[in-house]
Amino acid sequence: MKKFLRVLLVAGFVLVSVTVSSADKADTRGKDWLDAQKEPAAINVSGNWDSDFGLIHLDQTAGDRNVSGSEGKYQLKGVVSGKTLYLLFATGHGSVDYCAVLDSGGDTTMIGHYYYQVTRLRFGHGLCQEKGYAMNLRKR
């Protein structure tokens, strides 16, 4: 019985270590993913947006590509490259849960997809999975 508990404790420690290590890699991969989008911003996405996730608030300084914001339980970080918004949804601990790629549909809409983060349980390469789910933003 003691041996079983010892093995269970070691397995739990390994699982926690792998999870923390995976979160650090996701943060680095998220920054790399955003940095890879190089075009100058052709739109400004500042404001409040209705989305599938709820109300999203985005801030973008005029003439800058960088975007920050919030949505209930997520901190948002992203860039505008051309007329496309690349956005990361991160928890308070900084680990990325979702990626989103949205194209401008005019001054009041953004249309695209969001993707779950790749984890040991959700297989794939890179930061987020290849399979996306429809996502639309409508400016308030």
Protein backbone atom coordinates (compact mmCIF):
# COMPACT_ATOMS: atom_id res chain seq x y z
CA MET A 1 0.00 0.00 0.00
CA LYS A 2 2.86 2.42 0.87
CA LYS A 3 4.56 1.63 -2.43
CA PHE A 4 1.35 2.40 -4.35
CA LEU A 5 0.96 5.76 -2.57
CA ARG A 6 4.60 6.63 -3.26
CA VAL A 7 4.16 5.84 -6.99
CA LEU A 8 0.94 7.89 -7.06
CA LEU A 9 2.70 10.85 -5.40
CA VAL A 10 5.60 10.72 -7.88
CA ALA A 11 3.18 10.48 -10.83
CA GLY A 12 1.28 13.53 -9.54
CA PHE A 13 4.51 15.51 -9.20
CA VAL A 14 5.53 14.61 -12.77
CA LEU A 15 2.10 15.65 -14.11
CA VAL A 16 2.28 19.04 -12.37
CA SER A 17 5.84 19.60 -13.64
CA VAL A 18 4.84 18.79 -17.22
CA THR A 19 1.82 21.12 -17.02
CA VAL A 20 3.92 24.04 -15.73
CA SER A 21 6.57 23.39 -18.37
CA SER A 22 3.92 23.28 -21.10
CA ALA A 23 2.46 26.64 -19.98
CA ASP A 24 5.90 28.30 -20.20
CA LYS A 25 6.37 26.97 -23.75
CA ALA A 26 2.90 28.20 -24.74
CA ASP A 27 3.75 31.73 -23.58
CA THR A 28 6.97 31.74 -25.61
CA ARG A 29 5.26 30.23 -28.65
CA GLY A 30 2.48 32.82 -28.32
CA LYS A 31 4.95 35.70 -28.45
CA ASP A 32 6.71 34.08 -31.43
CA TRP A 33 3.37 33.58 -33.20
CA LEU A 34 2.43 37.24 -32.77
CA ASP A 35 5.92 38.44 -33.79
CA ALA A 36 5.68 36.42 -37.03
CA GLN A 37 2.82 38.66 -38.25
CA LYS A 38 4.79 41.48 -39.91
CA GLU A 39 2.48 43.71 -41.97
CA PRO A 40 1.79 47.25 -40.75
CA ALA A 41 -1.67 47.72 -39.23
CA ALA A 42 -4.28 48.84 -41.78
CA ILE A 43 -7.13 48.95 -39.24
CA ASN A 44 -7.69 50.00 -35.64
CA VAL A 45 -9.66 47.58 -33.47
CA SER A 46 -10.00 49.66 -30.29
CA GLY A 47 -13.36 49.50 -28.61
CA ASN A 48 -15.95 47.12 -27.22
CA TRP A 49 -16.96 44.10 -29.25
CA ASP A 50 -19.67 41.48 -28.82
CA SER A 51 -18.29 38.00 -29.42
CA ASP A 52 -18.91 34.30 -28.93
CA PHE A 53 -16.88 34.63 -25.71
CA GLY A 54 -18.92 37.58 -24.42
CA LEU A 55 -17.99 41.26 -24.31
CA ILE A 56 -14.42 41.89 -25.44
CA HIS A 57 -12.63 45.18 -24.85
CA LEU A 58 -9.64 45.90 -27.11
CA ASP A 59 -7.08 48.73 -26.96
CA GLN A 60 -4.82 49.66 -29.86
CA THR A 61 -2.84 52.89 -29.91
CA ALA A 62 -3.24 54.79 -33.20
CA GLY A 63 -0.50 53.80 -35.64
CA ASP A 64 0.59 50.82 -33.51
CA ARG A 65 0.16 47.12 -34.34
CA ASN A 66 -0.04 45.90 -30.74
CA VAL A 67 -3.40 45.13 -29.17
CA SER A 68 -4.29 44.41 -25.56
CA GLY A 69 -7.61 43.85 -23.89
CA SER A 70 -9.81 41.74 -21.71
CA GLU A 71 -12.79 39.41 -21.77
CA GLY A 72 -14.19 38.31 -18.44
CA LYS A 73 -11.72 35.64 -17.36
CA TYR A 74 -9.13 36.18 -20.12
CA GLN A 75 -6.41 38.74 -20.72
CA LEU A 76 -6.02 39.42 -24.42
CA LYS A 77 -2.81 40.15 -26.28
CA GLY A 78 -2.46 40.47 -30.02
CA VAL A 79 -1.32 42.31 -33.11
CA VAL A 80 -2.97 43.72 -36.20
CA SER A 81 -1.20 42.72 -39.40
CA GLY A 82 -2.77 44.37 -42.43
CA LYS A 83 -6.51 43.97 -41.93
CA THR A 84 -6.16 40.82 -39.80
CA LEU A 85 -6.27 40.61 -36.00
CA TYR A 86 -4.18 37.88 -34.34
CA LEU A 87 -5.26 37.42 -30.74
CA LEU A 88 -4.23 35.27 -27.76
CA PHE A 89 -6.61 34.49 -24.89
CA ALA A 90 -4.54 33.96 -21.74
CA THR A 91 -5.54 33.14 -18.17
CA GLY A 92 -4.44 35.20 -15.19
CA HIS A 93 -1.45 32.84 -14.90
CA GLY A 94 -0.35 33.84 -18.42
CA SER A 95 -0.89 30.50 -20.13
CA VAL A 96 -2.59 30.64 -23.52
CA ASP A 97 -5.96 28.86 -23.82
CA TYR A 98 -7.03 30.05 -27.29
CA CYS A 99 -5.70 31.73 -30.43
CA ALA A 100 -7.92 33.72 -32.77
CA VAL A 101 -7.42 34.99 -36.32
CA LEU A 102 -10.04 37.51 -37.46
CA ASP A 103 -10.29 39.46 -40.70
CA SER A 104 -11.91 42.85 -41.00
CA GLY A 105 -15.40 42.72 -42.44
CA GLY A 106 -15.72 46.52 -42.37
CA ASP A 107 -15.63 49.05 -39.53
CA THR A 108 -17.99 47.11 -37.28
CA THR A 109 -17.30 43.40 -37.86
CA MET A 110 -14.42 40.94 -37.63
CA ILE A 111 -14.87 37.43 -39.02
CA GLY A 112 -12.60 34.44 -38.45
CA HIS A 113 -11.83 31.48 -36.24
CA TYR A 114 -10.55 30.62 -32.79
CA TYR A 115 -8.39 27.60 -32.01
CA TYR A 116 -7.74 25.59 -28.85
CA GLN A 117 -4.20 25.53 -27.54
CA VAL A 118 -2.16 22.42 -28.32
CA THR A 119 -1.58 20.43 -25.12
CA ARG A 120 -0.57 16.90 -24.33
CA LEU A 121 -4.29 16.02 -24.42
CA ARG A 122 -5.04 18.09 -27.55
CA PHE A 123 -2.52 17.00 -30.14
CA GLY A 124 -1.01 19.13 -32.87
CA HIS A 125 2.02 21.20 -33.74
CA GLY A 126 2.74 24.80 -32.87
CA LEU A 127 0.79 26.92 -30.43
CA CYS A 128 -2.79 26.11 -31.37
CA GLN A 129 -4.64 23.30 -33.12
CA GLU A 130 -5.30 23.35 -36.83
CA LYS A 131 -9.07 22.84 -36.47
CA GLY A 132 -10.80 26.18 -35.94
CA TYR A 133 -14.24 27.22 -34.80
CA ALA A 134 -16.15 30.16 -36.27
CA MET A 135 -15.82 33.42 -34.36
CA ASN A 136 -17.37 36.79 -35.14
CA LEU A 137 -16.91 40.17 -33.46
CA ARG A 138 -19.49 42.92 -33.75
CA LYS A 139 -18.53 46.41 -32.59
CA ARG A 140 -20.82 48.02 -30.03
